[in-house]
Amino acid sequence: MVVNMKIDNIVYHLDSVEKVSNWIYKEFVEEKGEKSLEFVIERFKNRNIDEFPISFIAIVNGMCAGVISIFDNDLGTREDLTPWLAGKF
């Protein structure tokens, strides 16, 4: 079986935003109860192309198979830790 995989910026695959948002919401956000799924969807819809925050998806055989984001920082107590890999799923 031939596997065709590529990594691309999520802004070029807005059809995958809802799927990715659901993954991230359920894995990292929902339990905290601070943000809604709609908030997460809007954040992914408004990612950047060439500056943080930026998100990349893995596309395997034409289907979204994973996501990772890069932020300036995601730990307010350690702003020196930058850039920050986040939301790997």
PDB file of N, CA and C in Angstrom:
ATOM      1  N   MET A   1       0.844  -1.182   0.000  1.00  0.00           N
ATOM      2  CA  MET A   1       0.000   0.000   0.000  1.00  0.00           C
ATOM      3  C   MET A   1       0.891   1.247   0.000  1.00  0.00           C
ATOM      4  N   VAL A   2       0.604   2.152  -0.875  1.00  0.00           N
ATOM      5  CA  VAL A   2       1.332   3.412  -0.963  1.00  0.00           C
ATOM      6  C   VAL A   2       0.666   4.431  -0.046  1.00  0.00           C
ATOM      7  N   VAL A   3       1.463   5.055   0.810  1.00  0.00           N
ATOM      8  CA  VAL A   3       0.954   6.087   1.705  1.00  0.00           C
ATOM      9  C   VAL A   3       1.438   7.431   1.192  1.00  0.00           C
ATOM     10  N   ASN A   4       0.519   8.307   0.949  1.00  0.00           N
ATOM     11  CA  ASN A   4       0.826   9.651   0.490  1.00  0.00           C
ATOM     12  C   ASN A   4       0.591  10.595   1.672  1.00  0.00           C
ATOM     13  N   MET A   5       1.680  11.189   2.183  1.00  0.00           N
ATOM     14  CA  MET A   5       1.544  12.074   3.335  1.00  0.00           C
ATOM     15  C   MET A   5       2.184  13.416   3.043  1.00  0.00           C
ATOM     16  N   LYS A   6       1.537  14.478   3.510  1.00  0.00           N
ATOM     17  CA  LYS A   6       2.131  15.803   3.434  1.00  0.00           C
ATOM     18  C   LYS A   6       1.733  16.598   4.667  1.00  0.00           C
ATOM     19  N   ILE A   7       2.549  17.594   4.978  1.00  0.00           N
ATOM     20  CA  ILE A   7       2.296  18.513   6.084  1.00  0.00           C
ATOM     21  C   ILE A   7       2.009  19.865   5.458  1.00  0.00           C
ATOM     22  N   ASP A   8       0.939  20.520   5.892  1.00  0.00           N
ATOM     23  CA  ASP A   8       0.579  21.802   5.300  1.00  0.00           C
ATOM     24  C   ASP A   8      -0.081  22.690   6.355  1.00  0.00           C
ATOM     25  N   ASN A   9      -0.031  23.981   6.109  1.00  0.00           N
ATOM     26  CA  ASN A   9      -0.651  24.959   6.996  1.00  0.00           C
ATOM     27  C   ASN A   9      -2.167  24.767   6.964  1.00  0.00           C
ATOM     28  N   ILE A  10      -2.789  24.799   8.125  1.00  0.00           N
ATOM     29  CA  ILE A  10      -4.232  24.588   8.207  1.00  0.00           C
ATOM     30  C   ILE A  10      -5.025  25.656   7.450  1.00  0.00           C
ATOM     31  N   VAL A  11      -4.468  26.840   7.274  1.00  0.00           N
ATOM     32  CA  VAL A  11      -5.212  27.892   6.561  1.00  0.00           C
ATOM     33  C   VAL A  11      -5.517  27.500   5.116  1.00  0.00           C
ATOM     34  N   TYR A  12      -4.779  26.546   4.576  1.00  0.00           N
ATOM     35  CA  TYR A  12      -5.037  26.065   3.220  1.00  0.00           C
ATOM     36  C   TYR A  12      -6.011  24.890   3.210  1.00  0.00           C
ATOM     37  N   HIS A  13      -6.513  24.506   4.375  1.00  0.00           N
ATOM     38  CA  HIS A  13      -7.401  23.342   4.492  1.00  0.00           C
ATOM     39  C   HIS A  13      -8.517  23.646   5.486  1.00  0.00           C
ATOM     40  N   LEU A  14      -9.242  24.711   5.241  1.00  0.00           N
ATOM     41  CA  LEU A  14     -10.295  25.123   6.172  1.00  0.00           C
ATOM     42  C   LEU A  14     -11.381  24.062   6.329  1.00  0.00           C
ATOM     43  N   ASP A  15     -11.473  23.140   5.370  1.00  0.00           N
ATOM     44  CA  ASP A  15     -12.434  22.045   5.494  1.00  0.00           C
ATOM     45  C   ASP A  15     -12.056  21.085   6.629  1.00  0.00           C
ATOM     46  N   SER A  16     -10.822  21.161   7.125  1.00  0.00           N
ATOM     47  CA  SER A  16     -10.371  20.307   8.232  1.00  0.00           C
ATOM     48  C   SER A  16     -10.463  20.983   9.592  1.00  0.00           C
ATOM     49  N   VAL A  17     -10.826  22.256   9.614  1.00  0.00           N
ATOM     50  CA  VAL A  17     -10.835  23.013  10.872  1.00  0.00           C
ATOM     51  C   VAL A  17     -11.784  22.408  11.899  1.00  0.00           C
ATOM     52  N   GLU A  18     -12.972  22.025  11.500  1.00  0.00           N
ATOM     53  CA  GLU A  18     -13.929  21.489  12.469  1.00  0.00           C
ATOM     54  C   GLU A  18     -13.427  20.175  13.067  1.00  0.00           C
ATOM     55  N   LYS A  19     -12.889  19.300  12.242  1.00  0.00           N
ATOM     56  CA  LYS A  19     -12.349  18.030  12.729  1.00  0.00           C
ATOM     57  C   LYS A  19     -11.213  18.267  13.718  1.00  0.00           C
ATOM     58  N   VAL A  20     -10.267  19.103  13.340  1.00  0.00           N
ATOM     59  CA  VAL A  20      -9.117  19.419  14.191  1.00  0.00           C
ATOM     60  C   VAL A  20      -9.578  20.082  15.488  1.00  0.00           C
ATOM     61  N   SER A  21     -10.504  21.006  15.381  1.00  0.00           N
ATOM     62  CA  SER A  21     -11.010  21.709  16.566  1.00  0.00           C
ATOM     63  C   SER A  21     -11.654  20.743  17.549  1.00  0.00           C
ATOM     64  N   ASN A  22     -12.401  19.797  17.048  1.00  0.00           N
ATOM     65  CA  ASN A  22     -13.016  18.791  17.919  1.00  0.00           C
ATOM     66  C   ASN A  22     -11.954  17.958  18.626  1.00  0.00           C
ATOM     67  N   TRP A  23     -10.920  17.539  17.911  1.00  0.00           N
ATOM     68  CA  TRP A  23      -9.833  16.777  18.535  1.00  0.00           C
ATOM     69  C   TRP A  23      -9.215  17.569  19.684  1.00  0.00           C
ATOM     70  N   ILE A  24      -8.826  18.810  19.376  1.00  0.00           N
ATOM     71  CA  ILE A  24      -8.121  19.642  20.355  1.00  0.00           C
ATOM     72  C   ILE A  24      -9.041  19.989  21.529  1.00  0.00           C
ATOM     73  N   TYR A  25     -10.278  20.319  21.235  1.00  0.00           N
ATOM     74  CA  TYR A  25     -11.229  20.649  22.295  1.00  0.00           C
ATOM     75  C   TYR A  25     -11.389  19.480  23.267  1.00  0.00           C
ATOM     76  N   LYS A  26     -11.634  18.296  22.727  1.00  0.00           N
ATOM     77  CA  LYS A  26     -11.856  17.134  23.597  1.00  0.00           C
ATOM     78  C   LYS A  26     -10.599  16.731  24.359  1.00  0.00           C
ATOM     79  N   GLU A  27      -9.445  16.878  23.750  1.00  0.00           N
ATOM     80  CA  GLU A  27      -8.197  16.434  24.374  1.00  0.00           C
ATOM     81  C   GLU A  27      -7.627  17.434  25.383  1.00  0.00           C
ATOM     82  N   PHE A  28      -7.728  18.738  25.082  1.00  0.00           N
ATOM     83  CA  PHE A  28      -7.006  19.730  25.878  1.00  0.00           C
ATOM     84  C   PHE A  28      -7.860  20.832  26.519  1.00  0.00           C
ATOM     85  N   VAL A  29      -9.087  21.040  26.047  1.00  0.00           N
ATOM     86  CA  VAL A  29      -9.841  22.231  26.453  1.00  0.00           C
ATOM     87  C   VAL A  29     -11.099  21.906  27.263  1.00  0.00           C
ATOM     88  N   GLU A  30     -11.852  20.936  26.825  1.00  0.00           N
ATOM     89  CA  GLU A  30     -13.184  20.675  27.380  1.00  0.00           C
ATOM     90  C   GLU A  30     -13.183  20.512  28.901  1.00  0.00           C
ATOM     91  N   GLU A  31     -12.274  19.735  29.431  1.00  0.00           N
ATOM     92  CA  GLU A  31     -12.252  19.450  30.861  1.00  0.00           C
ATOM     93  C   GLU A  31     -12.043  20.705  31.709  1.00  0.00           C
ATOM     94  N   LYS A  32     -11.302  21.674  31.169  1.00  0.00           N
ATOM     95  CA  LYS A  32     -11.044  22.908  31.913  1.00  0.00           C
ATOM     96  C   LYS A  32     -12.296  23.778  32.005  1.00  0.00           C
ATOM     97  N   GLY A  33     -13.186  23.669  31.005  1.00  0.00           N
ATOM     98  CA  GLY A  33     -14.431  24.415  31.009  1.00  0.00           C
ATOM     99  C   GLY A  33     -14.290  25.916  30.816  1.00  0.00           C
ATOM    100  N   GLU A  34     -13.135  26.372  30.358  1.00  0.00           N
ATOM    101  CA  GLU A  34     -12.898  27.810  30.205  1.00  0.00           C
ATOM    102  C   GLU A  34     -13.287  28.354  28.835  1.00  0.00           C
ATOM    103  N   LYS A  35     -13.226  27.493  27.811  1.00  0.00           N
ATOM    104  CA  LYS A  35     -13.488  27.944  26.447  1.00  0.00           C
ATOM    105  C   LYS A  35     -14.443  26.974  25.764  1.00  0.00           C
ATOM    106  N   SER A  36     -15.197  27.496  24.807  1.00  0.00           N
ATOM    107  CA  SER A  36     -16.159  26.671  24.084  1.00  0.00           C
ATOM    108  C   SER A  36     -15.517  26.070  22.829  1.00  0.00           C
ATOM    109  N   LEU A  37     -16.183  25.074  22.283  1.00  0.00           N
ATOM    110  CA  LEU A  37     -15.751  24.498  21.008  1.00  0.00           C
ATOM    111  C   LEU A  37     -15.755  25.573  19.927  1.00  0.00           C
ATOM    112  N   GLU A  38     -16.744  26.441  19.944  1.00  0.00           N
ATOM    113  CA  GLU A  38     -16.834  27.509  18.949  1.00  0.00           C
ATOM    114  C   GLU A  38     -15.617  28.438  19.025  1.00  0.00           C
ATOM    115  N   PHE A  39     -15.135  28.706  20.227  1.00  0.00           N
ATOM    116  CA  PHE A  39     -13.930  29.513  20.414  1.00  0.00           C
ATOM    117  C   PHE A  39     -12.737  28.834  19.741  1.00  0.00           C
ATOM    118  N   VAL A  40     -12.589  27.539  19.952  1.00  0.00           N
ATOM    119  CA  VAL A  40     -11.471  26.795  19.359  1.00  0.00           C
ATOM    120  C   VAL A  40     -11.573  26.804  17.837  1.00  0.00           C
ATOM    121  N   ILE A  41     -12.766  26.600  17.312  1.00  0.00           N
ATOM    122  CA  ILE A  41     -12.970  26.629  15.855  1.00  0.00           C
ATOM    123  C   ILE A  41     -12.544  27.981  15.290  1.00  0.00           C
ATOM    124  N   GLU A  42     -12.978  29.063  15.913  1.00  0.00           N
ATOM    125  CA  GLU A  42     -12.616  30.408  15.431  1.00  0.00           C
ATOM    126  C   GLU A  42     -11.106  30.637  15.475  1.00  0.00           C
ATOM    127  N   ARG A  43     -10.456  30.136  16.521  1.00  0.00           N
ATOM    128  CA  ARG A  43      -8.993  30.285  16.617  1.00  0.00           C
ATOM    129  C   ARG A  43      -8.291  29.587  15.457  1.00  0.00           C
ATOM    130  N   PHE A  44      -8.728  28.369  15.136  1.00  0.00           N
ATOM    131  CA  PHE A  44      -8.108  27.655  14.015  1.00  0.00           C
ATOM    132  C   PHE A  44      -8.428  28.317  12.673  1.00  0.00           C
ATOM    133  N   LYS A  45      -9.619  28.848  12.527  1.00  0.00           N
ATOM    134  CA  LYS A  45      -9.984  29.534  11.283  1.00  0.00           C
ATOM    135  C   LYS A  45      -9.121  30.772  11.049  1.00  0.00           C
ATOM    136  N   ASN A  46      -8.603  31.344  12.121  1.00  0.00           N
ATOM    137  CA  ASN A  46      -7.857  32.599  12.025  1.00  0.00           C
ATOM    138  C   ASN A  46      -6.362  32.436  12.290  1.00  0.00           C
ATOM    139  N   ARG A  47      -5.825  31.255  12.048  1.00  0.00           N
ATOM    140  CA  ARG A  47      -4.385  31.036  12.204  1.00  0.00           C
ATOM    141  C   ARG A  47      -3.629  31.835  11.151  1.00  0.00           C
ATOM    142  N   ASN A  48      -2.338  31.966  11.365  1.00  0.00           N
ATOM    143  CA  ASN A  48      -1.473  32.734  10.466  1.00  0.00           C
ATOM    144  C   ASN A  48      -0.746  31.830   9.481  1.00  0.00           C
ATOM    145  N   ILE A  49      -0.198  32.465   8.464  1.00  0.00           N
ATOM    146  CA  ILE A  49       0.577  31.748   7.455  1.00  0.00           C
ATOM    147  C   ILE A  49       2.060  31.746   7.798  1.00  0.00           C
ATOM    148  N   ASP A  50       2.564  32.871   8.300  1.00  0.00           N
ATOM    149  CA  ASP A  50       4.014  32.986   8.469  1.00  0.00           C
ATOM    150  C   ASP A  50       4.445  33.606   9.795  1.00  0.00           C
ATOM    151  N   GLU A  51       3.561  33.576  10.788  1.00  0.00           N
ATOM    152  CA  GLU A  51       3.921  34.041  12.124  1.00  0.00           C
ATOM    153  C   GLU A  51       3.066  33.300  13.140  1.00  0.00           C
ATOM    154  N   PHE A  52       3.497  33.316  14.397  1.00  0.00           N
ATOM    155  CA  PHE A  52       2.767  32.611  15.454  1.00  0.00           C
ATOM    156  C   PHE A  52       1.500  33.360  15.830  1.00  0.00           C
ATOM    157  N   PRO A  53       0.418  32.699  16.172  1.00  0.00           N
ATOM    158  CA  PRO A  53       0.254  31.257  16.202  1.00  0.00           C
ATOM    159  C   PRO A  53       0.051  30.699  14.791  1.00  0.00           C
ATOM    160  N   ILE A  54       0.595  29.527  14.591  1.00  0.00           N
ATOM    161  CA  ILE A  54       0.516  28.854  13.299  1.00  0.00           C
ATOM    162  C   ILE A  54       0.207  27.388  13.562  1.00  0.00           C
ATOM    163  N   SER A  55      -0.571  26.773  12.688  1.00  0.00           N
ATOM    164  CA  SER A  55      -0.929  25.361  12.871  1.00  0.00           C
ATOM    165  C   SER A  55      -0.721  24.604  11.569  1.00  0.00           C
ATOM    166  N   PHE A  56      -0.206  23.396  11.711  1.00  0.00           N
ATOM    167  CA  PHE A  56       0.034  22.520  10.572  1.00  0.00           C
ATOM    168  C   PHE A  56      -0.753  21.236  10.759  1.00  0.00           C
ATOM    169  N   ILE A  57      -1.257  20.706   9.635  1.00  0.00           N
ATOM    170  CA  ILE A  57      -1.946  19.423   9.694  1.00  0.00           C
ATOM    171  C   ILE A  57      -1.172  18.412   8.857  1.00  0.00           C
ATOM    172  N   ALA A  58      -1.289  17.163   9.270  1.00  0.00           N
ATOM    173  CA  ALA A  58      -0.766  16.048   8.488  1.00  0.00           C
ATOM    174  C   ALA A  58      -1.918  15.524   7.649  1.00  0.00           C
ATOM    175  N   ILE A  59      -1.662  15.366   6.371  1.00  0.00           N
ATOM    176  CA  ILE A  59      -2.673  14.850   5.450  1.00  0.00           C
ATOM    177  C   ILE A  59      -2.153  13.512   4.923  1.00  0.00           C
ATOM    178  N   VAL A  60      -2.876  12.441   5.220  1.00  0.00           N
ATOM    179  CA  VAL A  60      -2.484  11.099   4.808  1.00  0.00           C
ATOM    180  C   VAL A  60      -3.546  10.561   3.863  1.00  0.00           C
ATOM    181  N   ASN A  61      -3.107  10.253   2.646  1.00  0.00           N
ATOM    182  CA  ASN A  61      -4.022   9.753   1.619  1.00  0.00           C
ATOM    183  C   ASN A  61      -5.267  10.632   1.487  1.00  0.00           C
ATOM    184  N   GLY A  62      -5.048  11.954   1.522  1.00  0.00           N
ATOM    185  CA  GLY A  62      -6.114  12.917   1.304  1.00  0.00           C
ATOM    186  C   GLY A  62      -6.960  13.250   2.521  1.00  0.00           C
ATOM    187  N   MET A  63      -6.653  12.643   3.675  1.00  0.00           N
ATOM    188  CA  MET A  63      -7.458  12.889   4.874  1.00  0.00           C
ATOM    189  C   MET A  63      -6.602  13.493   5.979  1.00  0.00           C
ATOM    190  N   CYS A  64      -7.183  14.412   6.715  1.00  0.00           N
ATOM    191  CA  CYS A  64      -6.500  15.024   7.849  1.00  0.00           C
ATOM    192  C   CYS A  64      -6.262  13.958   8.916  1.00  0.00           C
ATOM    193  N   ALA A  65      -4.988  13.799   9.317  1.00  0.00           N
ATOM    194  CA  ALA A  65      -4.639  12.736  10.258  1.00  0.00           C
ATOM    195  C   ALA A  65      -3.981  13.243  11.536  1.00  0.00           C
ATOM    196  N   GLY A  66      -3.675  14.538  11.615  1.00  0.00           N
ATOM    197  CA  GLY A  66      -3.034  15.061  12.812  1.00  0.00           C
ATOM    198  C   GLY A  66      -2.845  16.557  12.715  1.00  0.00           C
ATOM    199  N   VAL A  67      -2.476  17.159  13.841  1.00  0.00           N
ATOM    200  CA  VAL A  67      -2.295  18.607  13.902  1.00  0.00           C
ATOM    201  C   VAL A  67      -1.234  18.939  14.943  1.00  0.00           C
ATOM    202  N   ILE A  68      -0.542  20.033  14.721  1.00  0.00           N
ATOM    203  CA  ILE A  68       0.354  20.611  15.717  1.00  0.00           C
ATOM    204  C   ILE A  68       0.348  22.121  15.522  1.00  0.00           C
ATOM    205  N   SER A  69       0.443  22.845  16.627  1.00  0.00           N
ATOM    206  CA  SER A  69       0.466  24.307  16.564  1.00  0.00           C
ATOM    207  C   SER A  69       1.752  24.818  17.199  1.00  0.00           C
ATOM    208  N   ILE A  70       2.142  26.008  16.801  1.00  0.00           N
ATOM    209  CA  ILE A  70       3.289  26.691  17.388  1.00  0.00           C
ATOM    210  C   ILE A  70       2.825  28.069  17.829  1.00  0.00           C
ATOM    211  N   PHE A  71       3.043  28.356  19.119  1.00  0.00           N
ATOM    212  CA  PHE A  71       2.699  29.649  19.704  1.00  0.00           C
ATOM    213  C   PHE A  71       3.975  30.355  20.127  1.00  0.00           C
ATOM    214  N   ASP A  72       3.875  31.670  20.334  1.00  0.00           N
ATOM    215  CA  ASP A  72       4.998  32.391  20.937  1.00  0.00           C
ATOM    216  C   ASP A  72       5.326  31.753  22.275  1.00  0.00           C
ATOM    217  N   ASN A  73       4.277  31.533  23.068  1.00  0.00           N
ATOM    218  CA  ASN A  73       4.446  30.987  24.410  1.00  0.00           C
ATOM    219  C   ASN A  73       3.094  30.495  24.896  1.00  0.00           C
ATOM    220  N   ASP A  74       3.094  29.454  25.711  1.00  0.00           N
ATOM    221  CA  ASP A  74       1.844  28.939  26.251  1.00  0.00           C
ATOM    222  C   ASP A  74       1.943  28.685  27.757  1.00  0.00           C
ATOM    223  N   LEU A  75       2.936  29.318  28.376  1.00  0.00           N
ATOM    224  CA  LEU A  75       3.144  29.133  29.800  1.00  0.00           C
ATOM    225  C   LEU A  75       3.509  30.477  30.400  1.00  0.00           C
ATOM    226  N   GLY A  76       2.490  31.182  30.896  1.00  0.00           N
ATOM    227  CA  GLY A  76       2.670  32.550  31.382  1.00  0.00           C
ATOM    228  C   GLY A  76       3.766  32.726  32.414  1.00  0.00           C
ATOM    229  N   THR A  77       4.040  31.691  33.185  1.00  0.00           N
ATOM    230  CA  THR A  77       5.079  31.803  34.211  1.00  0.00           C
ATOM    231  C   THR A  77       6.485  31.629  33.657  1.00  0.00           C
ATOM    232  N   ARG A  78       6.618  31.214  32.382  1.00  0.00           N
ATOM    233  CA  ARG A  78       7.932  31.011  31.770  1.00  0.00           C
ATOM    234  C   ARG A  78       7.925  31.563  30.344  1.00  0.00           C
ATOM    235  N   GLU A  79       7.809  32.861  30.228  1.00  0.00           N
ATOM    236  CA  GLU A  79       7.747  33.490  28.909  1.00  0.00           C
ATOM    237  C   GLU A  79       9.041  33.356  28.118  1.00  0.00           C
ATOM    238  N   ASP A  80      10.115  32.913  28.775  1.00  0.00           N
ATOM    239  CA  ASP A  80      11.384  32.693  28.082  1.00  0.00           C
ATOM    240  C   ASP A  80      11.350  31.417  27.240  1.00  0.00           C
ATOM    241  N   LEU A  81      10.382  30.557  27.484  1.00  0.00           N
ATOM    242  CA  LEU A  81      10.268  29.312  26.731  1.00  0.00           C
ATOM    243  C   LEU A  81       9.480  29.576  25.448  1.00  0.00           C
ATOM    244  N   THR A  82      10.202  29.850  24.396  1.00  0.00           N
ATOM    245  CA  THR A  82       9.594  30.217  23.125  1.00  0.00           C
ATOM    246  C   THR A  82      10.469  29.754  21.976  1.00  0.00           C
ATOM    247  N   PRO A  83       9.948  29.358  20.863  1.00  0.00           N
ATOM    248  CA  PRO A  83       8.529  29.111  20.589  1.00  0.00           C
ATOM    249  C   PRO A  83       8.052  27.861  21.311  1.00  0.00           C
ATOM    250  N   TRP A  84       6.729  27.705  21.320  1.00  0.00           N
ATOM    251  CA  TRP A  84       6.099  26.648  22.095  1.00  0.00           C
ATOM    252  C   TRP A  84       5.297  25.739  21.174  1.00  0.00           C
ATOM    253  N   LEU A  85       5.641  24.446  21.148  1.00  0.00           N
ATOM    254  CA  LEU A  85       4.835  23.469  20.418  1.00  0.00           C
ATOM    255  C   LEU A  85       3.619  23.127  21.260  1.00  0.00           C
ATOM    256  N   ALA A  86       2.460  23.148  20.655  1.00  0.00           N
ATOM    257  CA  ALA A  86       1.225  22.949  21.414  1.00  0.00           C
ATOM    258  C   ALA A  86       0.230  22.106  20.627  1.00  0.00           C
ATOM    259  N   GLY A  87      -0.649  21.478  21.345  1.00  0.00           N
ATOM    260  CA  GLY A  87      -1.778  20.797  20.738  1.00  0.00           C
ATOM    261  C   GLY A  87      -1.411  19.730  19.723  1.00  0.00           C
ATOM    262  N   LYS A  88      -0.370  18.960  19.994  1.00  0.00           N
ATOM    263  CA  LYS A  88      -0.017  17.876  19.063  1.00  0.00           C
ATOM    264  C   LYS A  88      -1.044  16.762  19.209  1.00  0.00           C
ATOM    265  N   PHE A  89      -1.675  16.448  18.104  1.00  0.00           N
ATOM    266  CA  PHE A  89      -2.668  15.386  18.127  1.00  0.00           C
ATOM    267  C   PHE A  89      -2.536  14.585  16.856  1.00  0.00           C
TER     268      PHE A  89
END
